PDB file of all heavy atoms in Angstrom:
ATOM      1  N   GLU A   1      -6.040  -8.098 -14.568  1.00  0.00           N
ATOM      2  CA  GLU A   1      -5.360  -7.488 -15.714  1.00  0.00           C
ATOM      3  C   GLU A   1      -3.858  -7.926 -15.660  1.00  0.00           C
ATOM      4  O   GLU A   1      -3.170  -7.398 -16.534  1.00  0.00           O
ATOM      5  CB  GLU A   1      -5.515  -6.026 -15.715  1.00  0.00           C
ATOM      6  CG  GLU A   1      -6.894  -5.601 -15.749  1.00  0.00           C
ATOM      7  CD  GLU A   1      -7.718  -6.054 -16.920  1.00  0.00           C
ATOM      8  OE1 GLU A   1      -7.058  -6.396 -17.882  1.00  0.00           O
ATOM      9  OE2 GLU A   1      -8.985  -6.120 -16.918  1.00  0.00           O
ATOM     10  N   GLY A   2      -3.346  -8.693 -14.789  1.00  0.00           N
ATOM     11  CA  GLY A   2      -1.981  -9.096 -14.790  1.00  0.00           C
ATOM     12  C   GLY A   2      -1.004  -7.930 -14.242  1.00  0.00           C
ATOM     13  O   GLY A   2       0.149  -8.014 -14.530  1.00  0.00           O
ATOM     14  N   LEU A   3      -1.462  -6.982 -13.416  1.00  0.00           N
ATOM     15  CA  LEU A   3      -0.611  -5.894 -12.865  1.00  0.00           C
ATOM     16  C   LEU A   3      -0.366  -6.327 -11.487  1.00  0.00           C
ATOM     17  O   LEU A   3      -0.736  -5.856 -10.482  1.00  0.00           O
ATOM     18  CB  LEU A   3      -1.418  -4.602 -13.026  1.00  0.00           C
ATOM     19  CG  LEU A   3      -1.886  -4.149 -14.347  1.00  0.00           C
ATOM     20  CD1 LEU A   3      -2.629  -2.806 -14.221  1.00  0.00           C
ATOM     21  CD2 LEU A   3      -0.711  -4.016 -15.302  1.00  0.00           C
ATOM     22  N   PHE A   4       0.653  -7.273 -11.466  1.00  0.00           N
ATOM     23  CA  PHE A   4       0.878  -7.965 -10.113  1.00  0.00           C
ATOM     24  C   PHE A   4       1.588  -7.022  -9.131  1.00  0.00           C
ATOM     25  O   PHE A   4       1.271  -7.161  -7.925  1.00  0.00           O
ATOM     26  CB  PHE A   4       1.717  -9.180 -10.402  1.00  0.00           C
ATOM     27  CG  PHE A   4       1.035 -10.136 -11.328  1.00  0.00           C
ATOM     28  CD1 PHE A   4       1.463 -10.352 -12.613  1.00  0.00           C
ATOM     29  CD2 PHE A   4      -0.055 -10.728 -10.943  1.00  0.00           C
ATOM     30  CE1 PHE A   4       0.884 -11.236 -13.484  1.00  0.00           C
ATOM     31  CE2 PHE A   4      -0.857 -11.592 -11.839  1.00  0.00           C
ATOM     32  CZ  PHE A   4      -0.345 -11.888 -13.118  1.00  0.00           C
ATOM     33  N   ARG A   5       2.486  -6.191  -9.488  1.00  0.00           N
ATOM     34  CA  ARG A   5       3.173  -5.318  -8.566  1.00  0.00           C
ATOM     35  C   ARG A   5       2.179  -4.248  -7.990  1.00  0.00           C
ATOM     36  O   ARG A   5       2.148  -3.968  -6.913  1.00  0.00           O
ATOM     37  CB  ARG A   5       4.405  -4.622  -9.096  1.00  0.00           C
ATOM     38  CG  ARG A   5       5.072  -3.683  -8.218  1.00  0.00           C
ATOM     39  CD  ARG A   5       6.346  -3.215  -8.723  1.00  0.00           C
ATOM     40  NE  ARG A   5       6.941  -2.251  -7.900  1.00  0.00           N
ATOM     41  CZ  ARG A   5       8.084  -1.517  -8.014  1.00  0.00           C
ATOM     42  NH1 ARG A   5       8.729  -1.709  -9.146  1.00  0.00           N
ATOM     43  NH2 ARG A   5       8.542  -0.666  -7.143  1.00  0.00           N
ATOM     44  N   LEU A   6       1.301  -3.744  -8.912  1.00  0.00           N
ATOM     45  CA  LEU A   6       0.262  -2.862  -8.477  1.00  0.00           C
ATOM     46  C   LEU A   6      -0.660  -3.514  -7.497  1.00  0.00           C
ATOM     47  O   LEU A   6      -1.235  -2.884  -6.559  1.00  0.00           O
ATOM     48  CB  LEU A   6      -0.366  -2.211  -9.663  1.00  0.00           C
ATOM     49  CG  LEU A   6      -1.385  -1.071  -9.400  1.00  0.00           C
ATOM     50  CD1 LEU A   6      -0.751   0.142  -8.695  1.00  0.00           C
ATOM     51  CD2 LEU A   6      -2.041  -0.627 -10.691  1.00  0.00           C
ATOM     52  N   GLU A   7      -1.064  -4.755  -7.810  1.00  0.00           N
ATOM     53  CA  GLU A   7      -1.958  -5.524  -6.875  1.00  0.00           C
ATOM     54  C   GLU A   7      -1.354  -5.540  -5.496  1.00  0.00           C
ATOM     55  O   GLU A   7      -2.048  -5.320  -4.554  1.00  0.00           O
ATOM     56  CB  GLU A   7      -2.129  -6.923  -7.479  1.00  0.00           C
ATOM     57  CG  GLU A   7      -2.953  -7.837  -6.534  1.00  0.00           C
ATOM     58  CD  GLU A   7      -2.696  -9.282  -6.900  1.00  0.00           C
ATOM     59  OE1 GLU A   7      -2.278  -9.665  -8.055  1.00  0.00           O
ATOM     60  OE2 GLU A   7      -3.031 -10.110  -6.054  1.00  0.00           O
ATOM     61  N   ALA A   8      -0.115  -5.968  -5.524  1.00  0.00           N
ATOM     62  CA  ALA A   8       0.599  -6.127  -4.140  1.00  0.00           C
ATOM     63  C   ALA A   8       0.636  -4.760  -3.445  1.00  0.00           C
ATOM     64  O   ALA A   8       0.386  -4.700  -2.174  1.00  0.00           O
ATOM     65  CB  ALA A   8       1.995  -6.661  -4.348  1.00  0.00           C
ATOM     66  N   ALA A   9       0.894  -3.659  -4.181  1.00  0.00           N
ATOM     67  CA  ALA A   9       0.862  -2.381  -3.498  1.00  0.00           C
ATOM     68  C   ALA A   9      -0.326  -1.982  -2.963  1.00  0.00           C
ATOM     69  O   ALA A   9      -0.423  -1.494  -1.857  1.00  0.00           O
ATOM     70  CB  ALA A   9       1.347  -1.296  -4.528  1.00  0.00           C
ATOM     71  N   ALA A  10      -1.488  -2.106  -3.737  1.00  0.00           N
ATOM     72  CA  ALA A  10      -2.879  -1.860  -3.253  1.00  0.00           C
ATOM     73  C   ALA A  10      -3.174  -2.655  -1.991  1.00  0.00           C
ATOM     74  O   ALA A  10      -3.804  -2.209  -1.043  1.00  0.00           O
ATOM     75  CB  ALA A  10      -3.829  -2.013  -4.386  1.00  0.00           C
ATOM     76  N   LEU A  11      -2.913  -3.984  -2.134  1.00  0.00           N
ATOM     77  CA  LEU A  11      -3.159  -4.851  -0.908  1.00  0.00           C
ATOM     78  C   LEU A  11      -2.366  -4.394   0.254  1.00  0.00           C
ATOM     79  O   LEU A  11      -2.971  -4.418   1.418  1.00  0.00           O
ATOM     80  CB  LEU A  11      -2.735  -6.310  -1.346  1.00  0.00           C
ATOM     81  CG  LEU A  11      -2.988  -7.337  -0.291  1.00  0.00           C
ATOM     82  CD1 LEU A  11      -4.379  -7.379   0.261  1.00  0.00           C
ATOM     83  CD2 LEU A  11      -2.487  -8.755  -0.708  1.00  0.00           C
ATOM     84  N   ALA A  12      -1.234  -4.033   0.161  1.00  0.00           N
ATOM     85  CA  ALA A  12      -0.419  -3.516   1.313  1.00  0.00           C
ATOM     86  C   ALA A  12      -1.023  -2.271   1.892  1.00  0.00           C
ATOM     87  O   ALA A  12      -1.062  -2.112   3.124  1.00  0.00           O
ATOM     88  CB  ALA A  12       1.033  -3.336   0.798  1.00  0.00           C
ATOM     89  N   VAL A  13      -1.475  -1.280   1.088  1.00  0.00           N
ATOM     90  CA  VAL A  13      -2.082  -0.110   1.659  1.00  0.00           C
ATOM     91  C   VAL A  13      -3.489  -0.510   2.290  1.00  0.00           C
ATOM     92  O   VAL A  13      -3.834  -0.010   3.489  1.00  0.00           O
ATOM     93  CB  VAL A  13      -2.474   0.858   0.511  1.00  0.00           C
ATOM     94  CG1 VAL A  13      -3.275   2.049   1.046  1.00  0.00           C
ATOM     95  CG2 VAL A  13      -1.215   1.445  -0.024  1.00  0.00           C
ATOM     96  N   PHE A  14      -4.183  -1.524   1.828  1.00  0.00           N
ATOM     97  CA  PHE A  14      -5.409  -1.935   2.486  1.00  0.00           C
ATOM     98  C   PHE A  14      -5.114  -2.472   3.829  1.00  0.00           C
ATOM     99  O   PHE A  14      -5.766  -2.226   4.865  1.00  0.00           O
ATOM    100  CB  PHE A  14      -6.141  -3.021   1.551  1.00  0.00           C
ATOM    101  CG  PHE A  14      -7.246  -3.634   2.238  1.00  0.00           C
ATOM    102  CD1 PHE A  14      -8.525  -3.101   2.160  1.00  0.00           C
ATOM    103  CD2 PHE A  14      -7.080  -4.909   3.040  1.00  0.00           C
ATOM    104  CE1 PHE A  14      -9.635  -3.781   2.789  1.00  0.00           C
ATOM    105  CE2 PHE A  14      -8.186  -5.396   3.629  1.00  0.00           C
ATOM    106  CZ  PHE A  14      -9.496  -4.896   3.564  1.00  0.00           C
ATOM    107  N   GLU A  15      -4.064  -3.361   3.900  1.00  0.00           N
ATOM    108  CA  GLU A  15      -3.693  -3.953   5.259  1.00  0.00           C
ATOM    109  C   GLU A  15      -3.215  -2.836   6.183  1.00  0.00           C
ATOM    110  O   GLU A  15      -3.494  -2.987   7.418  1.00  0.00           O
ATOM    111  CB  GLU A  15      -2.580  -4.970   4.973  1.00  0.00           C
ATOM    112  CG  GLU A  15      -3.088  -6.188   4.221  1.00  0.00           C
ATOM    113  CD  GLU A  15      -1.903  -7.159   3.954  1.00  0.00           C
ATOM    114  OE1 GLU A  15      -0.822  -6.748   3.932  1.00  0.00           O
ATOM    115  OE2 GLU A  15      -2.288  -8.376   3.591  1.00  0.00           O
ATOM    116  N   ALA A  16      -2.520  -1.776   5.706  1.00  0.00           N
ATOM    117  CA  ALA A  16      -2.075  -0.857   6.654  1.00  0.00           C
ATOM    118  C   ALA A  16      -3.266   0.082   7.175  1.00  0.00           C
ATOM    119  O   ALA A  16      -3.253   0.314   8.320  1.00  0.00           O
ATOM    120  CB  ALA A  16      -1.065   0.173   5.847  1.00  0.00           C
ATOM    121  N   ALA A  17      -4.213   0.335   6.330  1.00  0.00           N
ATOM    122  CA  ALA A  17      -5.414   1.116   6.743  1.00  0.00           C
ATOM    123  C   ALA A  17      -6.262   0.231   7.729  1.00  0.00           C
ATOM    124  O   ALA A  17      -6.828   0.773   8.664  1.00  0.00           O
ATOM    125  CB  ALA A  17      -6.214   1.444   5.530  1.00  0.00           C
ATOM    126  N   ARG A  18      -6.354  -1.063   7.400  1.00  0.00           N
ATOM    127  CA  ARG A  18      -7.111  -1.936   8.423  1.00  0.00           C
ATOM    128  C   ARG A  18      -6.366  -2.061   9.709  1.00  0.00           C
ATOM    129  O   ARG A  18      -7.013  -1.979  10.724  1.00  0.00           O
ATOM    130  CB  ARG A  18      -7.191  -3.320   7.701  1.00  0.00           C
ATOM    131  CG  ARG A  18      -7.941  -4.406   8.455  1.00  0.00           C
ATOM    132  CD  ARG A  18      -7.947  -5.663   7.848  1.00  0.00           C
ATOM    133  NE  ARG A  18      -6.466  -6.169   7.886  1.00  0.00           N
ATOM    134  CZ  ARG A  18      -6.174  -7.228   7.129  1.00  0.00           C
ATOM    135  NH1 ARG A  18      -6.923  -7.889   6.384  1.00  0.00           N
ATOM    136  NH2 ARG A  18      -4.755  -7.608   7.230  1.00  0.00           N
ATOM    137  N   ASP A  19      -5.077  -2.158   9.717  1.00  0.00           N
ATOM    138  CA  ASP A  19      -4.336  -2.192  10.928  1.00  0.00           C
ATOM    139  C   ASP A  19      -4.487  -0.985  11.776  1.00  0.00           C
ATOM    140  O   ASP A  19      -4.732  -1.059  12.984  1.00  0.00           O
ATOM    141  CB  ASP A  19      -2.796  -2.539  10.674  1.00  0.00           C
ATOM    142  CG  ASP A  19      -2.539  -3.929  10.221  1.00  0.00           C
ATOM    143  OD1 ASP A  19      -3.482  -4.739  10.337  1.00  0.00           O
ATOM    144  OD2 ASP A  19      -1.430  -4.089   9.742  1.00  0.00           O
ATOM    145  N   LEU A  20      -4.491   0.179  11.060  1.00  0.00           N
ATOM    146  CA  LEU A  20      -4.740   1.410  11.803  1.00  0.00           C
ATOM    147  C   LEU A  20      -6.159   1.473  12.415  1.00  0.00           C
ATOM    148  O   LEU A  20      -6.296   1.894  13.597  1.00  0.00           O
ATOM    149  CB  LEU A  20      -4.292   2.613  10.918  1.00  0.00           C
ATOM    150  CG  LEU A  20      -4.630   3.992  11.453  1.00  0.00           C
ATOM    151  CD1 LEU A  20      -3.711   4.250  12.730  1.00  0.00           C
ATOM    152  CD2 LEU A  20      -4.435   5.103  10.409  1.00  0.00           C
ATOM    153  N   ARG A  21      -7.091   1.139  11.531  1.00  0.00           N
ATOM    154  CA  ARG A  21      -8.521   1.165  12.049  1.00  0.00           C
ATOM    155  C   ARG A  21      -8.742   0.290  13.247  1.00  0.00           C
ATOM    156  O   ARG A  21      -9.364   0.577  14.251  1.00  0.00           O
ATOM    157  CB  ARG A  21      -9.383   0.770  10.868  1.00  0.00           C
ATOM    158  CG  ARG A  21     -10.868   0.605  11.356  1.00  0.00           C
ATOM    159  CD  ARG A  21     -11.800   0.153  10.115  1.00  0.00           C
ATOM    160  NE  ARG A  21     -11.888   1.236   9.243  1.00  0.00           N
ATOM    161  CZ  ARG A  21     -12.938   1.187   8.310  1.00  0.00           C
ATOM    162  NH1 ARG A  21     -13.603   0.133   8.102  1.00  0.00           N
ATOM    163  NH2 ARG A  21     -13.001   2.208   7.487  1.00  0.00           N
ATOM    164  N   GLU A  22      -8.067  -0.930  13.193  1.00  0.00           N
ATOM    165  CA  GLU A  22      -8.195  -1.856  14.408  1.00  0.00           C
ATOM    166  C   GLU A  22      -7.222  -1.665  15.409  1.00  0.00           C
ATOM    167  O   GLU A  22      -7.174  -2.428  16.419  1.00  0.00           O
ATOM    168  CB  GLU A  22      -8.019  -3.302  13.724  1.00  0.00           C
ATOM    169  CG  GLU A  22      -9.060  -3.699  12.783  1.00  0.00           C
ATOM    170  CD  GLU A  22      -8.797  -5.009  12.131  1.00  0.00           C
ATOM    171  OE1 GLU A  22      -7.703  -5.675  12.438  1.00  0.00           O
ATOM    172  OE2 GLU A  22      -9.628  -5.569  11.268  1.00  0.00           O
ATOM    173  N   LYS A  23      -6.402  -0.666  15.319  1.00  0.00           N
ATOM    174  CA  LYS A  23      -5.400  -0.231  16.361  1.00  0.00           C
ATOM    175  C   LYS A  23      -4.546  -1.479  16.736  1.00  0.00           C
ATOM    176  O   LYS A  23      -4.135  -1.749  17.784  1.00  0.00           O
ATOM    177  CB  LYS A  23      -6.055   0.188  17.701  1.00  0.00           C
ATOM    178  CG  LYS A  23      -6.846   1.414  17.572  1.00  0.00           C
ATOM    179  CD  LYS A  23      -7.638   1.861  18.810  1.00  0.00           C
ATOM    180  CE  LYS A  23      -8.409   3.151  18.611  1.00  0.00           C
ATOM    181  NZ  LYS A  23      -9.100   3.463  19.881  1.00  0.00           N
ATOM    182  N   SER A  24      -4.026  -2.026  15.535  1.00  0.00           N
ATOM    183  CA  SER A  24      -3.167  -3.222  15.678  1.00  0.00           C
ATOM    184  C   SER A  24      -1.743  -2.837  16.041  1.00  0.00           C
ATOM    185  O   SER A  24      -1.264  -1.792  15.606  1.00  0.00           O
ATOM    186  CB  SER A  24      -3.148  -3.991  14.329  1.00  0.00           C
ATOM    187  OG  SER A  24      -2.179  -4.939  14.368  1.00  0.00           O
ATOM    188  N   PRO A  25      -1.084  -3.608  16.950  1.00  0.00           N
ATOM    189  CA  PRO A  25       0.294  -3.246  17.287  1.00  0.00           C
ATOM    190  C   PRO A  25       1.215  -3.492  16.103  1.00  0.00           C
ATOM    191  O   PRO A  25       2.313  -2.994  16.159  1.00  0.00           O
ATOM    192  CB  PRO A  25       0.609  -4.226  18.363  1.00  0.00           C
ATOM    193  CG  PRO A  25      -0.366  -5.464  18.242  1.00  0.00           C
ATOM    194  CD  PRO A  25      -1.660  -4.792  17.671  1.00  0.00           C
ATOM    195  N   ASP A  26       0.845  -4.095  15.068  1.00  0.00           N
ATOM    196  CA  ASP A  26       1.582  -4.325  13.862  1.00  0.00           C
ATOM    197  C   ASP A  26       1.666  -2.986  13.010  1.00  0.00           C
ATOM    198  O   ASP A  26       2.490  -2.901  12.102  1.00  0.00           O
ATOM    199  CB  ASP A  26       0.993  -5.446  12.971  1.00  0.00           C
ATOM    200  CG  ASP A  26       1.068  -6.785  13.642  1.00  0.00           C
ATOM    201  OD1 ASP A  26       2.033  -6.903  14.429  1.00  0.00           O
ATOM    202  OD2 ASP A  26       0.242  -7.663  13.331  1.00  0.00           O
ATOM    203  N   PHE A  27       0.899  -2.032  13.253  1.00  0.00           N
ATOM    204  CA  PHE A  27       0.870  -0.829  12.467  1.00  0.00           C
ATOM    205  C   PHE A  27       2.103   0.002  12.758  1.00  0.00           C
ATOM    206  O   PHE A  27       2.425   0.300  13.828  1.00  0.00           O
ATOM    207  CB  PHE A  27      -0.427  -0.036  12.673  1.00  0.00           C
ATOM    208  CG  PHE A  27      -0.360   1.270  11.961  1.00  0.00           C
ATOM    209  CD1 PHE A  27      -0.791   1.308  10.591  1.00  0.00           C
ATOM    210  CD2 PHE A  27      -0.046   2.521  12.518  1.00  0.00           C
ATOM    211  CE1 PHE A  27      -0.753   2.448   9.864  1.00  0.00           C
ATOM    212  CE2 PHE A  27      -0.087   3.733  11.783  1.00  0.00           C
ATOM    213  CZ  PHE A  27      -0.474   3.687  10.396  1.00  0.00           C
ATOM    214  N   ARG A  28       2.782   0.413  11.678  1.00  0.00           N
ATOM    215  CA  ARG A  28       3.919   1.340  11.753  1.00  0.00           C
ATOM    216  C   ARG A  28       3.669   2.342  10.708  1.00  0.00           C
ATOM    217  O   ARG A  28       3.591   2.118   9.571  1.00  0.00           O
ATOM    218  CB  ARG A  28       5.208   0.593  11.407  1.00  0.00           C
ATOM    219  CG  ARG A  28       5.658  -0.631  12.308  1.00  0.00           C
ATOM    220  CD  ARG A  28       5.984  -0.045  13.780  1.00  0.00           C
ATOM    221  NE  ARG A  28       6.449  -1.199  14.508  1.00  0.00           N
ATOM    222  CZ  ARG A  28       5.644  -2.036  15.289  1.00  0.00           C
ATOM    223  NH1 ARG A  28       4.326  -1.745  15.307  1.00  0.00           N
ATOM    224  NH2 ARG A  28       6.076  -2.996  16.054  1.00  0.00           N
ATOM    225  N   LEU A  29       3.695   3.738  11.244  1.00  0.00           N
ATOM    226  CA  LEU A  29       3.451   4.767  10.291  1.00  0.00           C
ATOM    227  C   LEU A  29       4.393   4.903   9.176  1.00  0.00           C
ATOM    228  O   LEU A  29       4.044   5.110   8.013  1.00  0.00           O
ATOM    229  CB  LEU A  29       3.244   6.074  11.134  1.00  0.00           C
ATOM    230  CG  LEU A  29       2.886   7.300  10.272  1.00  0.00           C
ATOM    231  CD1 LEU A  29       1.618   7.183   9.494  1.00  0.00           C
ATOM    232  CD2 LEU A  29       2.853   8.537  11.259  1.00  0.00           C
ATOM    233  N   ALA A  30       5.676   4.784   9.433  1.00  0.00           N
ATOM    234  CA  ALA A  30       6.696   4.942   8.451  1.00  0.00           C
ATOM    235  C   ALA A  30       6.574   3.782   7.392  1.00  0.00           C
ATOM    236  O   ALA A  30       6.625   4.051   6.196  1.00  0.00           O
ATOM    237  CB  ALA A  30       8.096   4.824   9.031  1.00  0.00           C
ATOM    238  N   GLU A  31       6.132   2.745   7.839  1.00  0.00           N
ATOM    239  CA  GLU A  31       6.025   1.535   6.883  1.00  0.00           C
ATOM    240  C   GLU A  31       4.754   1.720   6.076  1.00  0.00           C
ATOM    241  O   GLU A  31       4.744   1.508   4.816  1.00  0.00           O
ATOM    242  CB  GLU A  31       5.848   0.197   7.595  1.00  0.00           C
ATOM    243  CG  GLU A  31       5.599  -1.041   6.813  1.00  0.00           C
ATOM    244  CD  GLU A  31       5.410  -2.342   7.613  1.00  0.00           C
ATOM    245  OE1 GLU A  31       5.687  -2.313   8.754  1.00  0.00           O
ATOM    246  OE2 GLU A  31       4.877  -3.283   6.955  1.00  0.00           O
ATOM    247  N   ALA A  32       3.661   2.333   6.678  1.00  0.00           N
ATOM    248  CA  ALA A  32       2.380   2.616   5.995  1.00  0.00           C
ATOM    249  C   ALA A  32       2.723   3.680   4.979  1.00  0.00           C
ATOM    250  O   ALA A  32       2.109   3.639   3.792  1.00  0.00           O
ATOM    251  CB  ALA A  32       1.321   3.058   6.908  1.00  0.00           C
ATOM    252  N   ALA A  33       3.484   4.700   5.344  1.00  0.00           N
ATOM    253  CA  ALA A  33       3.835   5.693   4.260  1.00  0.00           C
ATOM    254  C   ALA A  33       4.611   5.182   3.154  1.00  0.00           C
ATOM    255  O   ALA A  33       4.351   5.568   2.025  1.00  0.00           O
ATOM    256  CB  ALA A  33       4.619   6.793   5.012  1.00  0.00           C
ATOM    257  N   THR A  34       5.486   4.179   3.429  1.00  0.00           N
ATOM    258  CA  THR A  34       6.237   3.630   2.261  1.00  0.00           C
ATOM    259  C   THR A  34       5.328   2.827   1.385  1.00  0.00           C
ATOM    260  O   THR A  34       5.432   2.704   0.137  1.00  0.00           O
ATOM    261  CB  THR A  34       7.396   2.685   2.835  1.00  0.00           C
ATOM    262  OG1 THR A  34       8.164   3.459   3.657  1.00  0.00           O
ATOM    263  CG2 THR A  34       8.037   1.964   1.727  1.00  0.00           C
ATOM    264  N   ARG A  35       4.287   2.133   1.980  1.00  0.00           N
ATOM    265  CA  ARG A  35       3.277   1.381   1.142  1.00  0.00           C
ATOM    266  C   ARG A  35       2.520   2.420   0.258  1.00  0.00           C
ATOM    267  O   ARG A  35       2.236   2.059  -0.949  1.00  0.00           O
ATOM    268  CB  ARG A  35       2.402   0.636   2.084  1.00  0.00           C
ATOM    269  CG  ARG A  35       3.146  -0.514   2.785  1.00  0.00           C
ATOM    270  CD  ARG A  35       2.202  -1.301   3.706  1.00  0.00           C
ATOM    271  NE  ARG A  35       2.738  -2.468   4.249  1.00  0.00           N
ATOM    272  CZ  ARG A  35       2.122  -3.351   5.048  1.00  0.00           C
ATOM    273  NH1 ARG A  35       0.841  -3.248   5.292  1.00  0.00           N
ATOM    274  NH2 ARG A  35       2.787  -4.470   5.540  1.00  0.00           N
ATOM    275  N   LEU A  36       2.048   3.507   0.842  1.00  0.00           N
ATOM    276  CA  LEU A  36       1.363   4.477   0.029  1.00  0.00           C
ATOM    277  C   LEU A  36       2.265   4.952  -1.057  1.00  0.00           C
ATOM    278  O   LEU A  36       1.792   5.154  -2.219  1.00  0.00           O
ATOM    279  CB  LEU A  36       0.974   5.585   0.867  1.00  0.00           C
ATOM    280  CG  LEU A  36      -0.361   5.384   1.746  1.00  0.00           C
ATOM    281  CD1 LEU A  36      -0.489   6.578   2.745  1.00  0.00           C
ATOM    282  CD2 LEU A  36      -1.592   5.385   0.882  1.00  0.00           C
ATOM    283  N   ALA A  37       3.445   5.223  -0.714  1.00  0.00           N
ATOM    284  CA  ALA A  37       4.434   5.718  -1.819  1.00  0.00           C
ATOM    285  C   ALA A  37       4.542   4.692  -2.954  1.00  0.00           C
ATOM    286  O   ALA A  37       4.618   5.093  -4.249  1.00  0.00           O
ATOM    287  CB  ALA A  37       5.716   6.021  -1.266  1.00  0.00           C
ATOM    288  N   GLU A  38       4.574   3.373  -2.661  1.00  0.00           N
ATOM    289  CA  GLU A  38       4.703   2.292  -3.692  1.00  0.00           C
ATOM    290  C   GLU A  38       3.494   2.311  -4.520  1.00  0.00           C
ATOM    291  O   GLU A  38       3.579   2.212  -5.770  1.00  0.00           O
ATOM    292  CB  GLU A  38       4.912   0.992  -2.882  1.00  0.00           C
ATOM    293  CG  GLU A  38       4.839  -0.182  -3.801  1.00  0.00           C
ATOM    294  CD  GLU A  38       6.019  -0.517  -4.691  1.00  0.00           C
ATOM    295  OE1 GLU A  38       6.947   0.242  -4.668  1.00  0.00           O
ATOM    296  OE2 GLU A  38       5.975  -1.518  -5.376  1.00  0.00           O
ATOM    297  N   LEU A  39       2.331   2.488  -3.908  1.00  0.00           N
ATOM    298  CA  LEU A  39       1.042   2.480  -4.625  1.00  0.00           C
ATOM    299  C   LEU A  39       1.028   3.567  -5.614  1.00  0.00           C
ATOM    300  O   LEU A  39       0.657   3.404  -6.890  1.00  0.00           O
ATOM    301  CB  LEU A  39      -0.098   2.513  -3.720  1.00  0.00           C
ATOM    302  CG  LEU A  39      -1.446   2.677  -4.411  1.00  0.00           C
ATOM    303  CD1 LEU A  39      -1.752   1.447  -5.363  1.00  0.00           C
ATOM    304  CD2 LEU A  39      -2.548   2.625  -3.404  1.00  0.00           C
ATOM    305  N   VAL A  40       1.328   4.831  -5.199  1.00  0.00           N
ATOM    306  CA  VAL A  40       1.332   5.966  -6.021  1.00  0.00           C
ATOM    307  C   VAL A  40       2.341   5.870  -7.148  1.00  0.00           C
ATOM    308  O   VAL A  40       2.166   6.245  -8.285  1.00  0.00           O
ATOM    309  CB  VAL A  40       1.536   7.272  -5.176  1.00  0.00           C
ATOM    310  CG1 VAL A  40       1.620   8.556  -6.233  1.00  0.00           C
ATOM    311  CG2 VAL A  40       0.353   7.485  -4.272  1.00  0.00           C
ATOM    312  N   LEU A  41       3.586   5.348  -6.759  1.00  0.00           N
ATOM    313  CA  LEU A  41       4.765   5.275  -7.669  1.00  0.00           C
ATOM    314  C   LEU A  41       4.339   4.368  -8.883  1.00  0.00           C
ATOM    315  O   LEU A  41       4.526   4.644 -10.086  1.00  0.00           O
ATOM    316  CB  LEU A  41       5.946   4.816  -6.998  1.00  0.00           C
ATOM    317  CG  LEU A  41       7.179   4.500  -7.945  1.00  0.00           C
ATOM    318  CD1 LEU A  41       7.644   5.753  -8.652  1.00  0.00           C
ATOM    319  CD2 LEU A  41       8.250   3.952  -7.085  1.00  0.00           C
ATOM    320  N   VAL A  42       3.940   3.114  -8.467  1.00  0.00           N
ATOM    321  CA  VAL A  42       3.795   2.063  -9.471  1.00  0.00           C
ATOM    322  C   VAL A  42       2.526   2.456 -10.390  1.00  0.00           C
ATOM    323  O   VAL A  42       2.612   2.302 -11.599  1.00  0.00           O
ATOM    324  CB  VAL A  42       3.498   0.734  -8.837  1.00  0.00           C
ATOM    325  CG1 VAL A  42       3.137  -0.315  -9.952  1.00  0.00           C
ATOM    326  CG2 VAL A  42       4.782   0.312  -8.021  1.00  0.00           C
ATOM    327  N   ALA A  43       1.408   2.935  -9.758  1.00  0.00           N
ATOM    328  CA  ALA A  43       0.281   3.348 -10.534  1.00  0.00           C
ATOM    329  C   ALA A  43       0.612   4.476 -11.462  1.00  0.00           C
ATOM    330  O   ALA A  43       0.297   4.519 -12.637  1.00  0.00           O
ATOM    331  CB  ALA A  43      -0.851   3.727  -9.615  1.00  0.00           C
ATOM    332  N   GLY A  44       1.391   5.494 -11.046  1.00  0.00           N
ATOM    333  CA  GLY A  44       1.895   6.569 -11.898  1.00  0.00           C
ATOM    334  C   GLY A  44       2.805   6.093 -13.018  1.00  0.00           C
ATOM    335  O   GLY A  44       2.515   6.625 -14.168  1.00  0.00           O
ATOM    336  N   LYS A  45       3.635   5.213 -12.746  1.00  0.00           N
ATOM    337  CA  LYS A  45       4.539   4.748 -13.852  1.00  0.00           C
ATOM    338  C   LYS A  45       3.674   4.013 -14.975  1.00  0.00           C
ATOM    339  O   LYS A  45       3.896   4.176 -16.139  1.00  0.00           O
ATOM    340  CB  LYS A  45       5.566   3.706 -13.304  1.00  0.00           C
ATOM    341  CG  LYS A  45       6.653   4.216 -12.443  1.00  0.00           C
ATOM    342  CD  LYS A  45       7.566   5.201 -13.271  1.00  0.00           C
ATOM    343  CE  LYS A  45       8.678   5.790 -12.515  1.00  0.00           C
ATOM    344  NZ  LYS A  45       9.592   6.632 -13.391  1.00  0.00           N
ATOM    345  N   LEU A  46       2.641   3.208 -14.500  1.00  0.00           N
ATOM    346  CA  LEU A  46       1.799   2.579 -15.523  1.00  0.00           C
ATOM    347  C   LEU A  46       0.977   3.491 -16.295  1.00  0.00           C
ATOM    348  O   LEU A  46       0.694   3.334 -17.444  1.00  0.00           O
ATOM    349  CB  LEU A  46       0.973   1.458 -14.701  1.00  0.00           C
ATOM    350  CG  LEU A  46       1.776   0.263 -14.145  1.00  0.00           C
ATOM    351  CD1 LEU A  46       0.912  -0.634 -13.375  1.00  0.00           C
ATOM    352  CD2 LEU A  46       2.540  -0.554 -15.228  1.00  0.00           C
ATOM    353  N   VAL A  47       0.440   4.512 -15.599  1.00  0.00           N
ATOM    354  CA  VAL A  47      -0.372   5.412 -16.167  1.00  0.00           C
ATOM    355  C   VAL A  47       0.442   6.213 -17.265  1.00  0.00           C
ATOM    356  O   VAL A  47      -0.078   6.453 -18.318  1.00  0.00           O
ATOM    357  CB  VAL A  47      -0.978   6.503 -15.183  1.00  0.00           C
ATOM    358  CG1 VAL A  47      -1.569   7.691 -15.967  1.00  0.00           C
ATOM    359  CG2 VAL A  47      -2.048   5.757 -14.384  1.00  0.00           C
ATOM    360  N   ASP A  48       1.738   6.390 -16.986  1.00  0.00           N
ATOM    361  CA  ASP A  48       2.592   7.052 -17.974  1.00  0.00           C
ATOM    362  C   ASP A  48       3.059   6.239 -19.047  1.00  0.00           C
ATOM    363  O   ASP A  48       3.793   6.747 -19.941  1.00  0.00           O
ATOM    364  CB  ASP A  48       3.856   7.653 -17.137  1.00  0.00           C
ATOM    365  CG  ASP A  48       3.378   8.735 -16.214  1.00  0.00           C
ATOM    366  OD1 ASP A  48       2.376   9.357 -16.339  1.00  0.00           O
ATOM    367  OD2 ASP A  48       4.219   9.084 -15.312  1.00  0.00           O
TER     368      ASP A  48
END
């Protein structure tokens, strides 16, 4: 649908959840929280 920022935000959350599930050393909780915030923010703006 051409919602490229929302695509990137959803992909980032997927990667964070995957890293946590796999106990990857790349996982950072603060960074994951920021990714979740980006997804909710962008999706909310578009819904509005």
